[in-house]
Amino acid sequence: MRQIEIWGDDDPDDRTNVLKVLIPFLLCGLFLSIVWFLLPVGGWLFLFAMMVAYVVPPLGRESVIPLCILGGIPWWLAAFTIVFLDFAGGLFMAWNFPLLMRIPRVGPWISRFVEAGRSFLDRRPWLERLYFVGLIAFVALPFDGSGSIVGSIVGRMLGMTKTEVLSCIVIGAVIGSYAIALGIDWVVNLIPPGAGFLLSIAVFLLICATLLVTYRNHYQRPETEG
């Protein structure tokens, strides 16, 4: 497996380290400030809660985007929000990986992601062969642990530069997020206007159940010997 050092090439004494930490958060603040003028207060608070739910596991885009759309957030804004969060997360990882590895509790937590990434690559050699396209597919498809954090680690393990990894994260996030948003919006439009909130929730639960069954069938099959 082609590997290089996991982004340990940053100068720990670089005076721009503070900006590298703050800029992703400032961008998120700017995004929320702009959205404030696009949504009513209740919608803004709901979107903010969904952003927090996406950043803090275990919810992924396959859950957050449908919830946003069913909660009244426009499908394009729900998708763009997830893309933006993946971009901000990838930017933060690209700039601050060595710093994160030195934090007592965060470093070991990331190290476990590194081990998970190595295991993931060992089980899926096609990802290495496809290189750039493979990482895009990893981020776009609802794999367990896919996203900007693990995607950054896997990309660096593949020997990709920070720019390449961030590009893959953004492209994969656009493909995955907008595909889900368009699909959910199409399903929601099939529901009669007077059907009510409970039917919308039932449709959402049905979609989640379908995704769960698909995941268990394809990604959690017991390994066979030989």
C-alpha atoms as a PDB file:
ATOM      1  CA  MET A   1       0.000   0.000   0.000  1.00  0.00           C
ATOM      2  CA  ARG A   2       1.425   3.365  -1.052  1.00  0.00           C
ATOM      3  CA  GLN A   3       1.796   5.577   1.999  1.00  0.00           C
ATOM      4  CA  ILE A   4       3.710   8.645   3.132  1.00  0.00           C
ATOM      5  CA  GLU A   5       3.914  10.401   6.461  1.00  0.00           C
ATOM      6  CA  ILE A   6       0.494  11.485   7.681  1.00  0.00           C
ATOM      7  CA  TRP A   7       0.711  15.256   7.174  1.00  0.00           C
ATOM      8  CA  GLY A   8       3.486  15.699   9.695  1.00  0.00           C
ATOM      9  CA  ASP A   9       5.301  18.202   7.507  1.00  0.00           C
ATOM     10  CA  ASP A  10       3.948  21.409   9.086  1.00  0.00           C
ATOM     11  CA  ASP A  11       6.211  23.655  11.129  1.00  0.00           C
ATOM     12  CA  PRO A  12       4.955  23.572  14.752  1.00  0.00           C
ATOM     13  CA  ASP A  13       6.360  27.082  15.263  1.00  0.00           C
ATOM     14  CA  ASP A  14       4.483  28.594  12.348  1.00  0.00           C
ATOM     15  CA  ARG A  15       2.871  31.840  13.569  1.00  0.00           C
ATOM     16  CA  THR A  16      -0.103  31.293  11.292  1.00  0.00           C
ATOM     17  CA  ASN A  17      -1.199  28.217  13.270  1.00  0.00           C
ATOM     18  CA  VAL A  18      -3.810  30.233  15.158  1.00  0.00           C
ATOM     19  CA  LEU A  19      -5.370  31.418  11.903  1.00  0.00           C
ATOM     20  CA  LYS A  20      -5.323  27.872  10.551  1.00  0.00           C
ATOM     21  CA  VAL A  21      -7.375  26.793  13.554  1.00  0.00           C
ATOM     22  CA  LEU A  22      -9.765  29.738  13.509  1.00  0.00           C
ATOM     23  CA  ILE A  23     -10.492  30.183   9.796  1.00  0.00           C
ATOM     24  CA  PRO A  24     -12.672  27.042   9.375  1.00  0.00           C
ATOM     25  CA  PHE A  25     -14.779  28.113  12.370  1.00  0.00           C
ATOM     26  CA  LEU A  26     -14.968  31.693  11.116  1.00  0.00           C
ATOM     27  CA  LEU A  27     -16.176  30.409   7.754  1.00  0.00           C
ATOM     28  CA  CYS A  28     -18.921  28.442   9.523  1.00  0.00           C
ATOM     29  CA  GLY A  29     -19.892  31.593  11.407  1.00  0.00           C
ATOM     30  CA  LEU A  30     -20.030  33.537   8.142  1.00  0.00           C
ATOM     31  CA  PHE A  31     -22.189  30.827   6.598  1.00  0.00           C
ATOM     32  CA  LEU A  32     -24.636  30.929   9.509  1.00  0.00           C
ATOM     33  CA  SER A  33     -24.744  34.733   9.288  1.00  0.00           C
ATOM     34  CA  ILE A  34     -25.736  34.578   5.627  1.00  0.00           C
ATOM     35  CA  VAL A  35     -28.326  31.845   6.231  1.00  0.00           C
ATOM     36  CA  TRP A  36     -29.847  34.039   8.957  1.00  0.00           C
ATOM     37  CA  PHE A  37     -31.226  36.285   6.201  1.00  0.00           C
ATOM     38  CA  LEU A  38     -32.581  33.335   4.188  1.00  0.00           C
ATOM     39  CA  LEU A  39     -34.565  31.458   6.824  1.00  0.00           C
ATOM     40  CA  PRO A  40     -37.013  32.324   9.600  1.00  0.00           C
ATOM     41  CA  VAL A  41     -35.663  32.088  13.135  1.00  0.00           C
ATOM     42  CA  GLY A  42     -37.126  28.636  13.698  1.00  0.00           C
ATOM     43  CA  GLY A  43     -35.696  27.338  10.434  1.00  0.00           C
ATOM     44  CA  TRP A  44     -32.274  28.828  11.222  1.00  0.00           C
ATOM     45  CA  LEU A  45     -32.203  27.184  14.653  1.00  0.00           C
ATOM     46  CA  PHE A  46     -33.272  23.868  13.160  1.00  0.00           C
ATOM     47  CA  LEU A  47     -30.558  24.037  10.493  1.00  0.00           C
ATOM     48  CA  PHE A  48     -27.967  24.917  13.130  1.00  0.00           C
ATOM     49  CA  ALA A  49     -29.052  21.884  15.185  1.00  0.00           C
ATOM     50  CA  MET A  50     -28.708  19.674  12.112  1.00  0.00           C
ATOM     51  CA  MET A  51     -25.208  21.054  11.471  1.00  0.00           C
ATOM     52  CA  VAL A  52     -24.200  20.143  15.017  1.00  0.00           C
ATOM     53  CA  ALA A  53     -25.769  16.696  14.589  1.00  0.00           C
ATOM     54  CA  TYR A  54     -23.727  16.158  11.428  1.00  0.00           C
ATOM     55  CA  VAL A  55     -20.444  17.256  12.973  1.00  0.00           C
ATOM     56  CA  VAL A  56     -20.981  15.116  16.084  1.00  0.00           C
ATOM     57  CA  PRO A  57     -21.322  11.402  15.141  1.00  0.00           C
ATOM     58  CA  PRO A  58     -23.174   9.172  14.509  1.00  0.00           C
ATOM     59  CA  LEU A  59     -25.521  11.049  12.128  1.00  0.00           C
ATOM     60  CA  GLY A  60     -24.396  11.223   8.497  1.00  0.00           C
ATOM     61  CA  ARG A  61     -25.644  13.109   5.464  1.00  0.00           C
ATOM     62  CA  GLU A  62     -28.028  10.251   4.648  1.00  0.00           C
ATOM     63  CA  SER A  63     -29.897  11.136   7.873  1.00  0.00           C
ATOM     64  CA  VAL A  64     -29.327  14.883   8.243  1.00  0.00           C
ATOM     65  CA  ILE A  65     -30.367  15.883   4.720  1.00  0.00           C
ATOM     66  CA  PRO A  66     -33.752  14.077   4.831  1.00  0.00           C
ATOM     67  CA  LEU A  67     -34.444  15.548   8.274  1.00  0.00           C
ATOM     68  CA  CYS A  68     -33.610  19.033   7.001  1.00  0.00           C
ATOM     69  CA  ILE A  69     -35.915  18.687   3.995  1.00  0.00           C
ATOM     70  CA  LEU A  70     -38.755  17.254   6.073  1.00  0.00           C
ATOM     71  CA  GLY A  71     -38.189  20.109   8.523  1.00  0.00           C
ATOM     72  CA  GLY A  72     -38.824  22.700   5.826  1.00  0.00           C
ATOM     73  CA  ILE A  73     -35.256  23.506   4.743  1.00  0.00           C
ATOM     74  CA  PRO A  74     -34.963  23.868   0.924  1.00  0.00           C
ATOM     75  CA  TRP A  75     -33.290  20.819  -0.599  1.00  0.00           C
ATOM     76  CA  TRP A  76     -30.528  22.862  -2.222  1.00  0.00           C
ATOM     77  CA  LEU A  77     -29.678  24.580   1.077  1.00  0.00           C
ATOM     78  CA  ALA A  78     -29.673  21.281   2.964  1.00  0.00           C
ATOM     79  CA  ALA A  79     -27.246  19.798   0.431  1.00  0.00           C
ATOM     80  CA  PHE A  80     -25.045  22.902   0.298  1.00  0.00           C
ATOM     81  CA  THR A  81     -24.845  23.000   4.094  1.00  0.00           C
ATOM     82  CA  ILE A  82     -23.415  19.482   4.232  1.00  0.00           C
ATOM     83  CA  VAL A  83     -20.999  20.248   1.388  1.00  0.00           C
ATOM     84  CA  PHE A  84     -19.837  23.353   3.230  1.00  0.00           C
ATOM     85  CA  LEU A  85     -19.325  21.444   6.478  1.00  0.00           C
ATOM     86  CA  ASP A  86     -17.297  18.783   4.673  1.00  0.00           C
ATOM     87  CA  PHE A  87     -15.190  21.515   3.062  1.00  0.00           C
ATOM     88  CA  ALA A  88     -14.607  23.227   6.418  1.00  0.00           C
ATOM     89  CA  GLY A  89     -13.785  19.898   8.053  1.00  0.00           C
ATOM     90  CA  GLY A  90     -11.373  18.943   5.284  1.00  0.00           C
ATOM     91  CA  LEU A  91      -9.703  22.357   5.469  1.00  0.00           C
ATOM     92  CA  PHE A  92      -9.326  22.048   9.231  1.00  0.00           C
ATOM     93  CA  MET A  93      -7.813  18.568   8.909  1.00  0.00           C
ATOM     94  CA  ALA A  94      -5.411  19.666   6.157  1.00  0.00           C
ATOM     95  CA  TRP A  95      -4.117  22.609   8.152  1.00  0.00           C
ATOM     96  CA  ASN A  96      -4.161  21.218  11.677  1.00  0.00           C
ATOM     97  CA  PHE A  97      -3.498  17.488  11.498  1.00  0.00           C
ATOM     98  CA  PRO A  98      -0.104  17.619  13.304  1.00  0.00           C
ATOM     99  CA  LEU A  99      -1.614  19.864  15.978  1.00  0.00           C
ATOM    100  CA  LEU A 100      -4.536  17.506  16.524  1.00  0.00           C
ATOM    101  CA  MET A 101      -2.207  14.536  16.880  1.00  0.00           C
ATOM    102  CA  ARG A 102      -0.459  16.287  19.790  1.00  0.00           C
ATOM    103  CA  ILE A 103      -3.653  16.853  21.792  1.00  0.00           C
ATOM    104  CA  PRO A 104      -3.791  14.211  24.598  1.00  0.00           C
ATOM    105  CA  ARG A 105      -7.268  12.806  24.022  1.00  0.00           C
ATOM    106  CA  VAL A 106      -7.816  13.829  20.421  1.00  0.00           C
ATOM    107  CA  GLY A 107      -4.535  12.341  19.182  1.00  0.00           C
ATOM    108  CA  PRO A 108      -5.337   8.755  20.248  1.00  0.00           C
ATOM    109  CA  TRP A 109      -8.865   9.184  18.887  1.00  0.00           C
ATOM    110  CA  ILE A 110      -7.460  10.174  15.481  1.00  0.00           C
ATOM    111  CA  SER A 111      -4.952   7.328  15.680  1.00  0.00           C
ATOM    112  CA  ARG A 112      -7.873   4.920  15.895  1.00  0.00           C
ATOM    113  CA  PHE A 113      -9.259   6.511  12.741  1.00  0.00           C
ATOM    114  CA  VAL A 114      -5.872   5.940  11.100  1.00  0.00           C
ATOM    115  CA  GLU A 115      -6.028   2.266  11.988  1.00  0.00           C
ATOM    116  CA  ALA A 116      -9.607   2.109  10.735  1.00  0.00           C
ATOM    117  CA  GLY A 117      -8.491   3.744   7.487  1.00  0.00           C
ATOM    118  CA  ARG A 118      -5.709   1.226   7.006  1.00  0.00           C
ATOM    119  CA  SER A 119      -8.136  -1.610   7.650  1.00  0.00           C
ATOM    120  CA  PHE A 120     -10.608  -0.058   5.230  1.00  0.00           C
ATOM    121  CA  LEU A 121      -7.966   0.145   2.489  1.00  0.00           C
ATOM    122  CA  ASP A 122      -6.829  -3.421   3.120  1.00  0.00           C
ATOM    123  CA  ARG A 123     -10.379  -4.660   2.582  1.00  0.00           C
ATOM    124  CA  ARG A 124     -10.953  -2.472  -0.486  1.00  0.00           C
ATOM    125  CA  PRO A 125      -7.834  -2.490  -2.711  1.00  0.00           C
ATOM    126  CA  TRP A 126      -9.860  -0.947  -5.540  1.00  0.00           C
ATOM    127  CA  LEU A 127      -9.711   2.338  -3.634  1.00  0.00           C
ATOM    128  CA  GLU A 128      -5.941   2.483  -4.064  1.00  0.00           C
ATOM    129  CA  ARG A 129      -6.086   1.533  -7.721  1.00  0.00           C
ATOM    130  CA  LEU A 130      -8.649   4.223  -8.499  1.00  0.00           C
ATOM    131  CA  TYR A 131      -6.698   6.788  -6.448  1.00  0.00           C
ATOM    132  CA  PHE A 132      -8.416  10.196  -6.987  1.00  0.00           C
ATOM    133  CA  VAL A 133     -11.753   8.782  -8.151  1.00  0.00           C
ATOM    134  CA  GLY A 134     -11.705   6.205  -5.374  1.00  0.00           C
ATOM    135  CA  LEU A 135     -11.516   8.819  -2.642  1.00  0.00           C
ATOM    136  CA  ILE A 136     -14.343  10.777  -4.282  1.00  0.00           C
ATOM    137  CA  ALA A 137     -16.449   7.609  -4.223  1.00  0.00           C
ATOM    138  CA  PHE A 138     -15.504   6.969  -0.593  1.00  0.00           C
ATOM    139  CA  VAL A 139     -16.712  10.427   0.449  1.00  0.00           C
ATOM    140  CA  ALA A 140     -19.800  10.415  -1.789  1.00  0.00           C
ATOM    141  CA  LEU A 141     -21.156   6.987  -0.876  1.00  0.00           C
ATOM    142  CA  PRO A 142     -22.615   6.328   2.594  1.00  0.00           C
ATOM    143  CA  PHE A 143     -19.761   4.156   3.832  1.00  0.00           C
ATOM    144  CA  ASP A 144     -19.352   3.727   7.567  1.00  0.00           C
ATOM    145  CA  GLY A 145     -17.089   6.579   8.712  1.00  0.00           C
ATOM    146  CA  SER A 146     -16.932   8.326   5.362  1.00  0.00           C
ATOM    147  CA  GLY A 147     -16.667  12.104   5.433  1.00  0.00           C
ATOM    148  CA  SER A 148     -14.118  14.861   5.697  1.00  0.00           C
ATOM    149  CA  ILE A 149     -12.271  13.515   8.767  1.00  0.00           C
ATOM    150  CA  VAL A 150     -11.713   9.902   7.732  1.00  0.00           C
ATOM    151  CA  GLY A 151     -11.587  10.952   4.074  1.00  0.00           C
ATOM    152  CA  SER A 152      -8.646  13.242   4.882  1.00  0.00           C
ATOM    153  CA  ILE A 153      -6.830  10.428   6.645  1.00  0.00           C
ATOM    154  CA  VAL A 154      -7.484   7.891   3.899  1.00  0.00           C
ATOM    155  CA  GLY A 155      -6.437  10.369   1.216  1.00  0.00           C
ATOM    156  CA  ARG A 156      -3.167  11.135   2.929  1.00  0.00           C
ATOM    157  CA  MET A 157      -2.523   7.434   3.387  1.00  0.00           C
ATOM    158  CA  LEU A 158      -2.926   7.089  -0.372  1.00  0.00           C
ATOM    159  CA  GLY A 159      -0.092   9.588  -0.799  1.00  0.00           C
ATOM    160  CA  MET A 160      -2.280  12.474  -1.940  1.00  0.00           C
ATOM    161  CA  THR A 161      -1.468  16.123  -1.282  1.00  0.00           C
ATOM    162  CA  LYS A 162      -3.645  18.344   0.858  1.00  0.00           C
ATOM    163  CA  THR A 163      -5.067  20.071  -2.220  1.00  0.00           C
ATOM    164  CA  GLU A 164      -5.924  16.756  -3.856  1.00  0.00           C
ATOM    165  CA  VAL A 165      -7.605  15.433  -0.727  1.00  0.00           C
ATOM    166  CA  LEU A 166      -9.615  18.619  -0.183  1.00  0.00           C
ATOM    167  CA  SER A 167     -10.700  18.556  -3.847  1.00  0.00           C
ATOM    168  CA  CYS A 168     -11.857  14.943  -3.503  1.00  0.00           C
ATOM    169  CA  ILE A 169     -13.766  15.757  -0.314  1.00  0.00           C
ATOM    170  CA  VAL A 170     -15.602  18.669  -1.946  1.00  0.00           C
ATOM    171  CA  ILE A 171     -16.403  16.778  -5.167  1.00  0.00           C
ATOM    172  CA  GLY A 172     -17.548  13.694  -3.255  1.00  0.00           C
ATOM    173  CA  ALA A 173     -19.632  15.802  -0.872  1.00  0.00           C
ATOM    174  CA  VAL A 174     -21.323  17.583  -3.792  1.00  0.00           C
ATOM    175  CA  ILE A 175     -22.166  14.299  -5.530  1.00  0.00           C
ATOM    176  CA  GLY A 176     -23.358  12.510  -2.400  1.00  0.00           C
ATOM    177  CA  SER A 177     -25.227  15.402  -0.798  1.00  0.00           C
ATOM    178  CA  TYR A 178     -27.065  16.644  -3.871  1.00  0.00           C
ATOM    179  CA  ALA A 179     -27.974  13.106  -4.946  1.00  0.00           C
ATOM    180  CA  ILE A 180     -29.574  12.457  -1.561  1.00  0.00           C
ATOM    181  CA  ALA A 181     -31.245  15.879  -1.452  1.00  0.00           C
ATOM    182  CA  LEU A 182     -32.730  15.560  -4.935  1.00  0.00           C
ATOM    183  CA  GLY A 183     -33.941  12.030  -4.201  1.00  0.00           C
ATOM    184  CA  ILE A 184     -35.565  12.989  -0.898  1.00  0.00           C
ATOM    185  CA  ASP A 185     -37.115  16.120  -2.429  1.00  0.00           C
ATOM    186  CA  TRP A 186     -38.614  13.994  -5.208  1.00  0.00           C
ATOM    187  CA  VAL A 187     -40.056  11.540  -2.665  1.00  0.00           C
ATOM    188  CA  VAL A 188     -41.445  14.357  -0.508  1.00  0.00           C
ATOM    189  CA  ASN A 189     -43.168  15.897  -3.530  1.00  0.00           C
ATOM    190  CA  LEU A 190     -44.977  12.595  -4.064  1.00  0.00           C
ATOM    191  CA  ILE A 191     -46.666  12.988  -0.664  1.00  0.00           C
ATOM    192  CA  PRO A 192     -50.057  14.699  -0.974  1.00  0.00           C
ATOM    193  CA  PRO A 193     -50.092  18.227   0.530  1.00  0.00           C
ATOM    194  CA  GLY A 194     -52.676  17.316   3.164  1.00  0.00           C
ATOM    195  CA  ALA A 195     -51.005  14.098   4.239  1.00  0.00           C
ATOM    196  CA  GLY A 196     -49.588  15.629   7.392  1.00  0.00           C
ATOM    197  CA  PHE A 197     -46.384  15.492   9.351  1.00  0.00           C
ATOM    198  CA  LEU A 198     -46.785  11.900  10.561  1.00  0.00           C
ATOM    199  CA  LEU A 199     -46.820  10.540   7.017  1.00  0.00           C
ATOM    200  CA  SER A 200     -43.670  12.510   6.236  1.00  0.00           C
ATOM    201  CA  ILE A 201     -41.961  10.982   9.262  1.00  0.00           C
ATOM    202  CA  ALA A 202     -43.135   7.528   8.179  1.00  0.00           C
ATOM    203  CA  VAL A 203     -41.585   8.066   4.745  1.00  0.00           C
ATOM    204  CA  PHE A 204     -38.345   9.211   6.360  1.00  0.00           C
ATOM    205  CA  LEU A 205     -38.234   6.145   8.615  1.00  0.00           C
ATOM    206  CA  LEU A 206     -38.859   3.916   5.604  1.00  0.00           C
ATOM    207  CA  ILE A 207     -35.943   5.519   3.766  1.00  0.00           C
ATOM    208  CA  CYS A 208     -33.706   5.121   6.817  1.00  0.00           C
ATOM    209  CA  ALA A 209     -34.710   1.477   7.182  1.00  0.00           C
ATOM    210  CA  THR A 210     -33.896   0.853   3.515  1.00  0.00           C
ATOM    211  CA  LEU A 211     -30.469   2.471   3.909  1.00  0.00           C
ATOM    212  CA  LEU A 212     -29.804   0.448   7.062  1.00  0.00           C
ATOM    213  CA  VAL A 213     -30.704  -2.851   5.414  1.00  0.00           C
ATOM    214  CA  THR A 214     -28.561  -1.995   2.391  1.00  0.00           C
ATOM    215  CA  TYR A 215     -25.627  -1.100   4.627  1.00  0.00           C
ATOM    216  CA  ARG A 216     -25.875  -4.278   6.693  1.00  0.00           C
ATOM    217  CA  ASN A 217     -26.179  -6.464   3.604  1.00  0.00           C
ATOM    218  CA  HIS A 218     -23.248  -4.972   1.722  1.00  0.00           C
ATOM    219  CA  TYR A 219     -20.793  -3.671   4.339  1.00  0.00           C
ATOM    220  CA  GLN A 220     -21.252  -5.863   7.390  1.00  0.00           C
ATOM    221  CA  ARG A 221     -21.167  -9.327   5.887  1.00  0.00           C
ATOM    222  CA  PRO A 222     -19.184 -11.708   8.051  1.00  0.00           C
ATOM    223  CA  GLU A 223     -15.762 -12.430   6.621  1.00  0.00           C
ATOM    224  CA  THR A 224     -15.203 -15.990   5.496  1.00  0.00           C
ATOM    225  CA  GLU A 225     -11.968 -17.847   5.883  1.00  0.00           C
ATOM    226  CA  GLY A 226      -9.839 -18.782   2.899  1.00  0.00           C
END
